[in-house]
PDB file of N, CA and C in Angstrom:
ATOM      1  N   UNK A   1      30.332  54.118  23.172  1.00  0.00           N
ATOM      2  CA  UNK A   1      29.406  55.198  24.832  1.00  0.00           C
ATOM      3  C   UNK A   1      30.380  55.015  25.937  1.00  0.00           C
ATOM      4  N   UNK A   2      31.148  54.195  26.210  1.00  0.00           N
ATOM      5  CA  UNK A   2      31.234  53.723  27.413  1.00  0.00           C
ATOM      6  C   UNK A   2      32.785  54.822  27.327  1.00  0.00           C
ATOM      7  N   UNK A   3      33.046  54.981  26.496  1.00  0.00           N
ATOM      8  CA  UNK A   3      34.571  55.886  26.391  1.00  0.00           C
ATOM      9  C   UNK A   3      33.640  57.184  27.255  1.00  0.00           C
ATOM     10  N   UNK A   4      32.929  57.690  26.565  1.00  0.00           N
ATOM     11  CA  UNK A   4      32.417  58.963  26.764  1.00  0.00           C
ATOM     12  C   UNK A   4      32.015  58.783  27.468  1.00  0.00           C
ATOM     13  N   UNK A   5      31.390  57.989  28.553  1.00  0.00           N
ATOM     14  CA  UNK A   5      31.418  58.188  29.973  1.00  0.00           C
ATOM     15  C   UNK A   5      31.880  57.888  31.147  1.00  0.00           C
ATOM     16  N   UNK A   6      33.197  57.344  30.852  1.00  0.00           N
ATOM     17  CA  UNK A   6      34.303  57.243  31.887  1.00  0.00           C
ATOM     18  C   UNK A   6      35.114  58.856  31.476  1.00  0.00           C
ATOM     19  N   UNK A   7      35.507  58.673  30.464  1.00  0.00           N
ATOM     20  CA  UNK A   7      35.772  60.683  30.436  1.00  0.00           C
ATOM     21  C   UNK A   7      35.243  62.116  30.784  1.00  0.00           C
ATOM     22  N   UNK A   8      33.797  61.515  31.547  1.00  0.00           N
ATOM     23  CA  UNK A   8      32.805  62.458  32.277  1.00  0.00           C
ATOM     24  C   UNK A   8      32.110  63.311  31.550  1.00  0.00           C
ATOM     25  N   UNK A   9      31.759  62.355  30.064  1.00  0.00           N
ATOM     26  CA  UNK A   9      30.850  63.270  28.174  1.00  0.00           C
ATOM     27  C   UNK A   9      29.809  62.993  28.175  1.00  0.00           C
ATOM     28  N   UNK A  10      29.176  62.388  29.493  1.00  0.00           N
ATOM     29  CA  UNK A  10      28.102  61.507  28.742  1.00  0.00           C
ATOM     30  C   UNK A  10      26.734  62.759  28.698  1.00  0.00           C
ATOM     31  N   UNK A  11      26.438  62.925  29.776  1.00  0.00           N
ATOM     32  CA  UNK A  11      25.574  64.279  30.131  1.00  0.00           C
ATOM     33  C   UNK A  11      25.482  65.187  28.723  1.00  0.00           C
ATOM     34  N   UNK A  12      26.686  65.593  28.337  1.00  0.00           N
ATOM     35  CA  UNK A  12      26.952  66.749  26.811  1.00  0.00           C
ATOM     36  C   UNK A  12      26.205  66.180  25.591  1.00  0.00           C
ATOM     37  N   UNK A  13      25.195  67.059  25.441  1.00  0.00           N
ATOM     38  CA  UNK A  13      24.722  67.086  23.510  1.00  0.00           C
ATOM     39  C   UNK A  13      25.692  66.526  23.197  1.00  0.00           C
ATOM     40  N   UNK A  14      26.281  67.158  23.232  1.00  0.00           N
ATOM     41  CA  UNK A  14      27.343  66.876  22.035  1.00  0.00           C
ATOM     42  C   UNK A  14      28.159  65.241  21.337  1.00  0.00           C
ATOM     43  N   UNK A  15      27.958  64.824  22.787  1.00  0.00           N
ATOM     44  CA  UNK A  15      28.906  63.919  23.074  1.00  0.00           C
ATOM     45  C   UNK A  15      27.304  62.315  23.238  1.00  0.00           C
ATOM     46  N   UNK A  16      25.732  63.181  22.865  1.00  0.00           N
ATOM     47  CA  UNK A  16      25.071  61.650  23.506  1.00  0.00           C
ATOM     48  C   UNK A  16      23.645  62.202  22.380  1.00  0.00           C
ATOM     49  N   UNK A  17      23.509  61.848  21.206  1.00  0.00           N
ATOM     50  CA  UNK A  17      22.749  62.099  20.786  1.00  0.00           C
ATOM     51  C   UNK A  17      21.603  62.150  20.739  1.00  0.00           C
ATOM     52  N   UNK A  18      21.029  61.503  21.768  1.00  0.00           N
ATOM     53  CA  UNK A  18      19.589  61.460  22.525  1.00  0.00           C
ATOM     54  C   UNK A  18      19.269  62.587  23.138  1.00  0.00           C
ATOM     55  N   UNK A  19      20.413  63.544  23.686  1.00  0.00           N
ATOM     56  CA  UNK A  19      20.066  65.098  23.988  1.00  0.00           C
ATOM     57  C   UNK A  19      20.649  66.035  23.284  1.00  0.00           C
ATOM     58  N   UNK A  20      20.295  66.166  21.892  1.00  0.00           N
ATOM     59  CA  UNK A  20      20.587  66.371  20.746  1.00  0.00           C
ATOM     60  C   UNK A  20      19.336  67.221  20.492  1.00  0.00           C
ATOM     61  N   UNK A  21      19.089  68.174  19.926  1.00  0.00           N
ATOM     62  CA  UNK A  21      17.820  68.777  19.553  1.00  0.00           C
ATOM     63  C   UNK A  21      17.625  69.188  18.612  1.00  0.00           C
ATOM     64  N   UNK A  22      16.957  68.726  17.131  1.00  0.00           N
ATOM     65  CA  UNK A  22      17.150  69.307  16.662  1.00  0.00           C
ATOM     66  C   UNK A  22      16.735  70.091  16.057  1.00  0.00           C
ATOM     67  N   UNK A  23      16.974  71.446  14.897  1.00  0.00           N
ATOM     68  CA  UNK A  23      16.026  72.631  14.580  1.00  0.00           C
ATOM     69  C   UNK A  23      16.268  73.041  15.290  1.00  0.00           C
ATOM     70  N   UNK A  24      17.570  73.959  15.992  1.00  0.00           N
ATOM     71  CA  UNK A  24      17.507  74.843  17.317  1.00  0.00           C
ATOM     72  C   UNK A  24      17.494  76.718  16.730  1.00  0.00           C
ATOM     73  N   UNK A  25      16.959  75.878  15.526  1.00  0.00           N
ATOM     74  CA  UNK A  25      16.584  77.542  14.965  1.00  0.00           C
ATOM     75  C   UNK A  25      14.739  77.919  14.670  1.00  0.00           C
ATOM     76  N   UNK A  26      14.790  77.282  15.401  1.00  0.00           N
ATOM     77  CA  UNK A  26      13.005  76.390  14.977  1.00  0.00           C
ATOM     78  C   UNK A  26      12.233  75.875  16.018  1.00  0.00           C
ATOM     79  N   UNK A  27      11.380  76.289  17.096  1.00  0.00           N
ATOM     80  CA  UNK A  27      11.165  75.883  18.396  1.00  0.00           C
ATOM     81  C   UNK A  27       9.903  75.327  17.788  1.00  0.00           C
ATOM     82  N   UNK A  28       8.637  75.838  16.876  1.00  0.00           N
ATOM     83  CA  UNK A  28       7.770  74.895  16.235  1.00  0.00           C
ATOM     84  C   UNK A  28       8.172  73.619  15.301  1.00  0.00           C
ATOM     85  N   UNK A  29       9.153  73.780  15.236  1.00  0.00           N
ATOM     86  CA  UNK A  29       9.617  72.248  14.318  1.00  0.00           C
ATOM     87  C   UNK A  29      10.150  70.905  16.203  1.00  0.00           C
ATOM     88  N   UNK A  30      10.816  71.635  16.641  1.00  0.00           N
ATOM     89  CA  UNK A  30      11.722  71.166  17.999  1.00  0.00           C
ATOM     90  C   UNK A  30       9.656  70.636  19.035  1.00  0.00           C
ATOM     91  N   UNK A  31       9.132  71.251  18.723  1.00  0.00           N
ATOM     92  CA  UNK A  31       8.282  70.637  19.829  1.00  0.00           C
ATOM     93  C   UNK A  31       7.145  70.020  18.397  1.00  0.00           C
ATOM     94  N   UNK A  32       7.610  69.691  17.329  1.00  0.00           N
ATOM     95  CA  UNK A  32       6.987  68.750  17.047  1.00  0.00           C
ATOM     96  C   UNK A  32       7.538  67.607  16.691  1.00  0.00           C
ATOM     97  N   UNK A  33       8.675  67.377  16.784  1.00  0.00           N
ATOM     98  CA  UNK A  33       9.702  66.430  16.956  1.00  0.00           C
ATOM     99  C   UNK A  33       9.202  65.754  17.469  1.00  0.00           C
ATOM    100  N   UNK A  34       9.532  66.813  18.873  1.00  0.00           N
ATOM    101  CA  UNK A  34       9.515  65.785  20.696  1.00  0.00           C
ATOM    102  C   UNK A  34       8.340  64.881  20.787  1.00  0.00           C
ATOM    103  N   UNK A  35       6.925  65.291  20.025  1.00  0.00           N
ATOM    104  CA  UNK A  35       5.793  65.063  19.922  1.00  0.00           C
ATOM    105  C   UNK A  35       5.417  63.703  18.413  1.00  0.00           C
ATOM    106  N   UNK A  36       6.924  63.772  18.386  1.00  0.00           N
ATOM    107  CA  UNK A  36       6.037  62.530  17.753  1.00  0.00           C
ATOM    108  C   UNK A  36       6.717  61.059  18.575  1.00  0.00           C
ATOM    109  N   UNK A  37       7.157  60.301  19.082  1.00  0.00           N
ATOM    110  CA  UNK A  37       7.221  59.566  19.662  1.00  0.00           C
ATOM    111  C   UNK A  37       5.719  59.479  20.416  1.00  0.00           C
ATOM    112  N   UNK A  38       5.647  60.027  20.487  1.00  0.00           N
ATOM    113  CA  UNK A  38       3.683  59.518  21.254  1.00  0.00           C
ATOM    114  C   UNK A  38       2.885  59.589  20.223  1.00  0.00           C
ATOM    115  N   UNK A  39       2.971  59.999  18.036  1.00  0.00           N
ATOM    116  CA  UNK A  39       2.234  59.277  18.106  1.00  0.00           C
ATOM    117  C   UNK A  39       2.050  57.958  17.827  1.00  0.00           C
ATOM    118  N   UNK A  40       0.723  57.501  17.108  1.00  0.00           N
ATOM    119  CA  UNK A  40       0.376  55.373  16.653  1.00  0.00           C
ATOM    120  C   UNK A  40       1.351  55.415  15.506  1.00  0.00           C
ATOM    121  N   UNK A  41       1.578  54.296  15.236  1.00  0.00           N
ATOM    122  CA  UNK A  41       2.648  54.021  14.081  1.00  0.00           C
ATOM    123  C   UNK A  41       1.390  54.159  12.272  1.00  0.00           C
ATOM    124  N   UNK A  42       0.447  54.429  12.937  1.00  0.00           N
ATOM    125  CA  UNK A  42      -0.488  54.605  11.641  1.00  0.00           C
ATOM    126  C   UNK A  42      -0.338  56.000  11.422  1.00  0.00           C
ATOM    127  N   UNK A  43      -0.298  57.356  12.242  1.00  0.00           N
ATOM    128  CA  UNK A  43      -0.142  58.783  11.894  1.00  0.00           C
ATOM    129  C   UNK A  43       1.274  58.897  10.949  1.00  0.00           C
ATOM    130  N   UNK A  44       2.420  58.042  11.625  1.00  0.00           N
ATOM    131  CA  UNK A  44       3.410  58.177  11.571  1.00  0.00           C
ATOM    132  C   UNK A  44       4.094  57.760  10.158  1.00  0.00           C
ATOM    133  N   UNK A  45       2.777  56.353   9.385  1.00  0.00           N
ATOM    134  CA  UNK A  45       3.148  55.989   8.794  1.00  0.00           C
ATOM    135  C   UNK A  45       2.608  56.691   7.258  1.00  0.00           C
ATOM    136  N   UNK A  46       1.772  57.835   7.632  1.00  0.00           N
ATOM    137  CA  UNK A  46       0.850  58.842   6.481  1.00  0.00           C
ATOM    138  C   UNK A  46       2.089  59.864   6.780  1.00  0.00           C
ATOM    139  N   UNK A  47       2.172  60.481   7.415  1.00  0.00           N
ATOM    140  CA  UNK A  47       4.017  61.030   7.569  1.00  0.00           C
ATOM    141  C   UNK A  47       4.922  61.087   6.682  1.00  0.00           C
ATOM    142  N   UNK A  48       4.985  59.961   6.431  1.00  0.00           N
ATOM    143  CA  UNK A  48       6.005  59.542   5.932  1.00  0.00           C
ATOM    144  C   UNK A  48       5.755  59.291   4.497  1.00  0.00           C
ATOM    145  N   UNK A  49       4.716  59.014   4.068  1.00  0.00           N
ATOM    146  CA  UNK A  49       4.085  58.430   2.823  1.00  0.00           C
ATOM    147  C   UNK A  49       3.602  59.940   2.796  1.00  0.00           C
ATOM    148  N   UNK A  50       3.385  61.552   3.150  1.00  0.00           N
ATOM    149  CA  UNK A  50       3.346  61.995   2.310  1.00  0.00           C
ATOM    150  C   UNK A  50       4.471  63.357   2.265  1.00  0.00           C
ATOM    151  N   UNK A  51       5.469  62.958   3.097  1.00  0.00           N
ATOM    152  CA  UNK A  51       6.591  63.431   2.806  1.00  0.00           C
ATOM    153  C   UNK A  51       7.768  62.570   1.758  1.00  0.00           C
ATOM    154  N   UNK A  52       7.197  61.443   1.570  1.00  0.00           N
ATOM    155  CA  UNK A  52       7.806  60.727   0.428  1.00  0.00           C
ATOM    156  C   UNK A  52       7.011  61.627  -1.299  1.00  0.00           C
ATOM    157  N   UNK A  53       5.969  61.941  -1.422  1.00  0.00           N
ATOM    158  CA  UNK A  53       4.553  61.909  -2.020  1.00  0.00           C
ATOM    159  C   UNK A  53       5.219  63.799  -2.875  1.00  0.00           C
ATOM    160  N   UNK A  54       5.463  64.424  -1.335  1.00  0.00           N
ATOM    161  CA  UNK A  54       6.152  65.992  -1.974  1.00  0.00           C
ATOM    162  C   UNK A  54       7.439  65.611  -2.579  1.00  0.00           C
ATOM    163  N   UNK A  55       8.635  64.415  -2.043  1.00  0.00           N
ATOM    164  CA  UNK A  55       9.964  64.587  -2.442  1.00  0.00           C
ATOM    165  C   UNK A  55      10.035  64.293  -4.557  1.00  0.00           C
ATOM    166  N   UNK A  56       8.732  63.115  -4.140  1.00  0.00           N
ATOM    167  CA  UNK A  56       9.293  62.872  -5.441  1.00  0.00           C
ATOM    168  C   UNK A  56       8.510  63.632  -6.275  1.00  0.00           C
ATOM    169  N   UNK A  57       7.884  64.969  -5.987  1.00  0.00           N
ATOM    170  CA  UNK A  57       7.029  65.652  -6.939  1.00  0.00           C
ATOM    171  C   UNK A  57       8.231  66.630  -7.295  1.00  0.00           C
ATOM    172  N   UNK A  58       9.082  67.167  -6.536  1.00  0.00           N
ATOM    173  CA  UNK A  58      10.218  68.545  -7.032  1.00  0.00           C
ATOM    174  C   UNK A  58      11.011  68.027  -8.309  1.00  0.00           C
TER     175      UNK A  58
END
């Protein structure tokens, strides 16, 4: 990261992962993703459990 800062690319999403926006073609998923850090741990754990359940049934 220090090298990225030195060459002046620190503020660019391509070089700074926390600035990258996932789901560039789906604004609904973008909004949902942005809200995840504000959720309580129990809700996120439930979400992970549901995700795993869905994928084990495929």
